[in-house]
Amino acid sequence: MAEQDEVITLIDEDGAEHDFNVIDVIEVEGSEYAILLPVEDESDEAVILKFVNDEDGNEILVEIESDEEWEKVADAWEEMVMAEEDKER
């Protein structure tokens, strides 16, 4: 788990800005993913985005298009959270 939450601002396709707390960054099968929670939203539902490089070589976050890939990342993060909780007991 991240030791302190970093806040990032993402811009959606309509140009609206949204702030997110970066809960964690994990690697699954060679790709990195950001686990984010909306700052403004009271929901505890995490958003998972994938790090990729754009055509200029800049690292950007994109939505995961494959349900299978999303499930693998969500499962890996859940396992990490459970292992962390077990350590704390």
C-alpha atoms as a PDB file:
ATOM      1  CA  MET A   1       0.000   0.000   0.000  1.00  0.00           C
ATOM      2  CA  ALA A   2       1.112   3.559  -0.609  1.00  0.00           C
ATOM      3  CA  GLU A   3       2.378   5.213   2.549  1.00  0.00           C
ATOM      4  CA  GLN A   4       0.690   8.525   1.829  1.00  0.00           C
ATOM      5  CA  ASP A   5      -2.002   9.295  -0.671  1.00  0.00           C
ATOM      6  CA  GLU A   6      -0.945  11.357  -3.639  1.00  0.00           C
ATOM      7  CA  VAL A   7      -3.667  13.352  -5.377  1.00  0.00           C
ATOM      8  CA  ILE A   8      -3.711  13.502  -9.162  1.00  0.00           C
ATOM      9  CA  THR A   9      -6.072  15.345 -11.481  1.00  0.00           C
ATOM     10  CA  LEU A  10      -7.365  13.550 -14.559  1.00  0.00           C
ATOM     11  CA  ILE A  11      -9.248  15.173 -17.424  1.00  0.00           C
ATOM     12  CA  ASP A  12     -12.096  13.183 -18.977  1.00  0.00           C
ATOM     13  CA  GLU A  13     -13.144  13.171 -22.634  1.00  0.00           C
ATOM     14  CA  ASP A  14     -15.473  16.143 -21.980  1.00  0.00           C
ATOM     15  CA  GLY A  15     -12.607  18.251 -20.599  1.00  0.00           C
ATOM     16  CA  ALA A  16     -13.840  18.067 -16.986  1.00  0.00           C
ATOM     17  CA  GLU A  17     -11.201  17.697 -14.260  1.00  0.00           C
ATOM     18  CA  HIS A  18     -11.498  15.019 -11.567  1.00  0.00           C
ATOM     19  CA  ASP A  19      -9.210  14.621  -8.531  1.00  0.00           C
ATOM     20  CA  PHE A  20      -8.227  11.154  -7.334  1.00  0.00           C
ATOM     21  CA  ASN A  21      -6.240   9.817  -4.399  1.00  0.00           C
ATOM     22  CA  VAL A  22      -3.602   7.364  -5.609  1.00  0.00           C
ATOM     23  CA  ILE A  23      -4.146   4.407  -3.291  1.00  0.00           C
ATOM     24  CA  ASP A  24      -1.534   2.149  -4.843  1.00  0.00           C
ATOM     25  CA  VAL A  25       0.440   1.374  -7.987  1.00  0.00           C
ATOM     26  CA  ILE A  26       0.803  -2.319  -8.742  1.00  0.00           C
ATOM     27  CA  GLU A  27       2.394  -4.437 -11.442  1.00  0.00           C
ATOM     28  CA  VAL A  28       0.499  -7.329 -13.004  1.00  0.00           C
ATOM     29  CA  GLU A  29       1.970  -9.415 -15.825  1.00  0.00           C
ATOM     30  CA  GLY A  30       4.541  -6.757 -16.707  1.00  0.00           C
ATOM     31  CA  SER A  31       2.148  -3.768 -16.812  1.00  0.00           C
ATOM     32  CA  GLU A  32       1.650  -1.106 -14.155  1.00  0.00           C
ATOM     33  CA  TYR A  33      -1.752  -0.018 -12.896  1.00  0.00           C
ATOM     34  CA  ALA A  34      -2.907   2.817 -10.633  1.00  0.00           C
ATOM     35  CA  ILE A  35      -5.553   2.142  -7.995  1.00  0.00           C
ATOM     36  CA  LEU A  36      -7.460   5.407  -7.508  1.00  0.00           C
ATOM     37  CA  LEU A  37     -10.278   6.695  -5.324  1.00  0.00           C
ATOM     38  CA  PRO A  38     -12.247   9.811  -6.311  1.00  0.00           C
ATOM     39  CA  VAL A  39     -11.588  12.687  -3.864  1.00  0.00           C
ATOM     40  CA  GLU A  40     -15.036  14.279  -4.180  1.00  0.00           C
ATOM     41  CA  ASP A  41     -17.089  11.081  -4.313  1.00  0.00           C
ATOM     42  CA  GLU A  42     -18.102   9.446  -1.031  1.00  0.00           C
ATOM     43  CA  SER A  43     -18.020   6.060  -2.762  1.00  0.00           C
ATOM     44  CA  ASP A  44     -15.340   3.612  -1.701  1.00  0.00           C
ATOM     45  CA  GLU A  45     -15.282   2.050  -5.173  1.00  0.00           C
ATOM     46  CA  ALA A  46     -11.783   2.159  -6.609  1.00  0.00           C
ATOM     47  CA  VAL A  47     -10.948   3.068 -10.182  1.00  0.00           C
ATOM     48  CA  ILE A  48      -8.195   1.052 -11.870  1.00  0.00           C
ATOM     49  CA  LEU A  49      -6.291   2.641 -14.750  1.00  0.00           C
ATOM     50  CA  LYS A  50      -3.355   1.314 -16.769  1.00  0.00           C
ATOM     51  CA  PHE A  51      -0.073   3.151 -17.346  1.00  0.00           C
ATOM     52  CA  VAL A  52       0.852   3.333 -21.051  1.00  0.00           C
ATOM     53  CA  ASN A  53       3.097   5.563 -23.141  1.00  0.00           C
ATOM     54  CA  ASP A  54       1.500   7.874 -25.700  1.00  0.00           C
ATOM     55  CA  GLU A  55       2.947   8.530 -29.167  1.00  0.00           C
ATOM     56  CA  ASP A  56       5.318  11.133 -27.668  1.00  0.00           C
ATOM     57  CA  GLY A  57       6.626   8.696 -25.056  1.00  0.00           C
ATOM     58  CA  ASN A  58       4.772  10.363 -22.168  1.00  0.00           C
ATOM     59  CA  GLU A  59       3.358   8.094 -19.491  1.00  0.00           C
ATOM     60  CA  ILE A  60      -0.436   8.392 -19.342  1.00  0.00           C
ATOM     61  CA  LEU A  61      -3.294   6.573 -17.606  1.00  0.00           C
ATOM     62  CA  VAL A  62      -5.964   4.857 -19.686  1.00  0.00           C
ATOM     63  CA  GLU A  63      -9.030   2.778 -18.963  1.00  0.00           C
ATOM     64  CA  ILE A  64      -8.621  -0.987 -19.081  1.00  0.00           C
ATOM     65  CA  GLU A  65     -10.573  -2.182 -22.103  1.00  0.00           C
ATOM     66  CA  SER A  66     -10.629  -5.912 -21.384  1.00  0.00           C
ATOM     67  CA  ASP A  67     -12.887  -7.246 -18.622  1.00  0.00           C
ATOM     68  CA  GLU A  68     -10.467 -10.154 -18.197  1.00  0.00           C
ATOM     69  CA  GLU A  69      -7.488  -7.819 -17.698  1.00  0.00           C
ATOM     70  CA  TRP A  70      -9.496  -5.672 -15.232  1.00  0.00           C
ATOM     71  CA  GLU A  71     -10.442  -8.778 -13.220  1.00  0.00           C
ATOM     72  CA  LYS A  72      -6.794  -9.938 -13.055  1.00  0.00           C
ATOM     73  CA  VAL A  73      -5.685  -6.548 -11.725  1.00  0.00           C
ATOM     74  CA  ALA A  74      -8.584  -6.274  -9.262  1.00  0.00           C
ATOM     75  CA  ASP A  75      -7.875  -9.797  -7.975  1.00  0.00           C
ATOM     76  CA  ALA A  76      -4.138  -9.074  -7.628  1.00  0.00           C
ATOM     77  CA  TRP A  77      -4.831  -5.880  -5.681  1.00  0.00           C
ATOM     78  CA  GLU A  78      -7.363  -7.631  -3.449  1.00  0.00           C
ATOM     79  CA  GLU A  79      -4.794 -10.338  -2.684  1.00  0.00           C
ATOM     80  CA  MET A  80      -2.237  -7.647  -1.781  1.00  0.00           C
ATOM     81  CA  VAL A  81      -4.724  -5.926   0.545  1.00  0.00           C
ATOM     82  CA  MET A  82      -5.614  -9.236   2.228  1.00  0.00           C
ATOM     83  CA  ALA A  83      -1.922 -10.113   2.689  1.00  0.00           C
ATOM     84  CA  GLU A  84      -1.285  -6.660   4.182  1.00  0.00           C
ATOM     85  CA  GLU A  85      -4.193  -7.088   6.595  1.00  0.00           C
ATOM     86  CA  ASP A  86      -2.904 -10.536   7.613  1.00  0.00           C
ATOM     87  CA  LYS A  87       0.521  -9.012   8.409  1.00  0.00           C
ATOM     88  CA  GLU A  88      -1.085  -6.423  10.647  1.00  0.00           C
ATOM     89  CA  ARG A  89      -2.824  -9.084  12.781  1.00  0.00           C
END
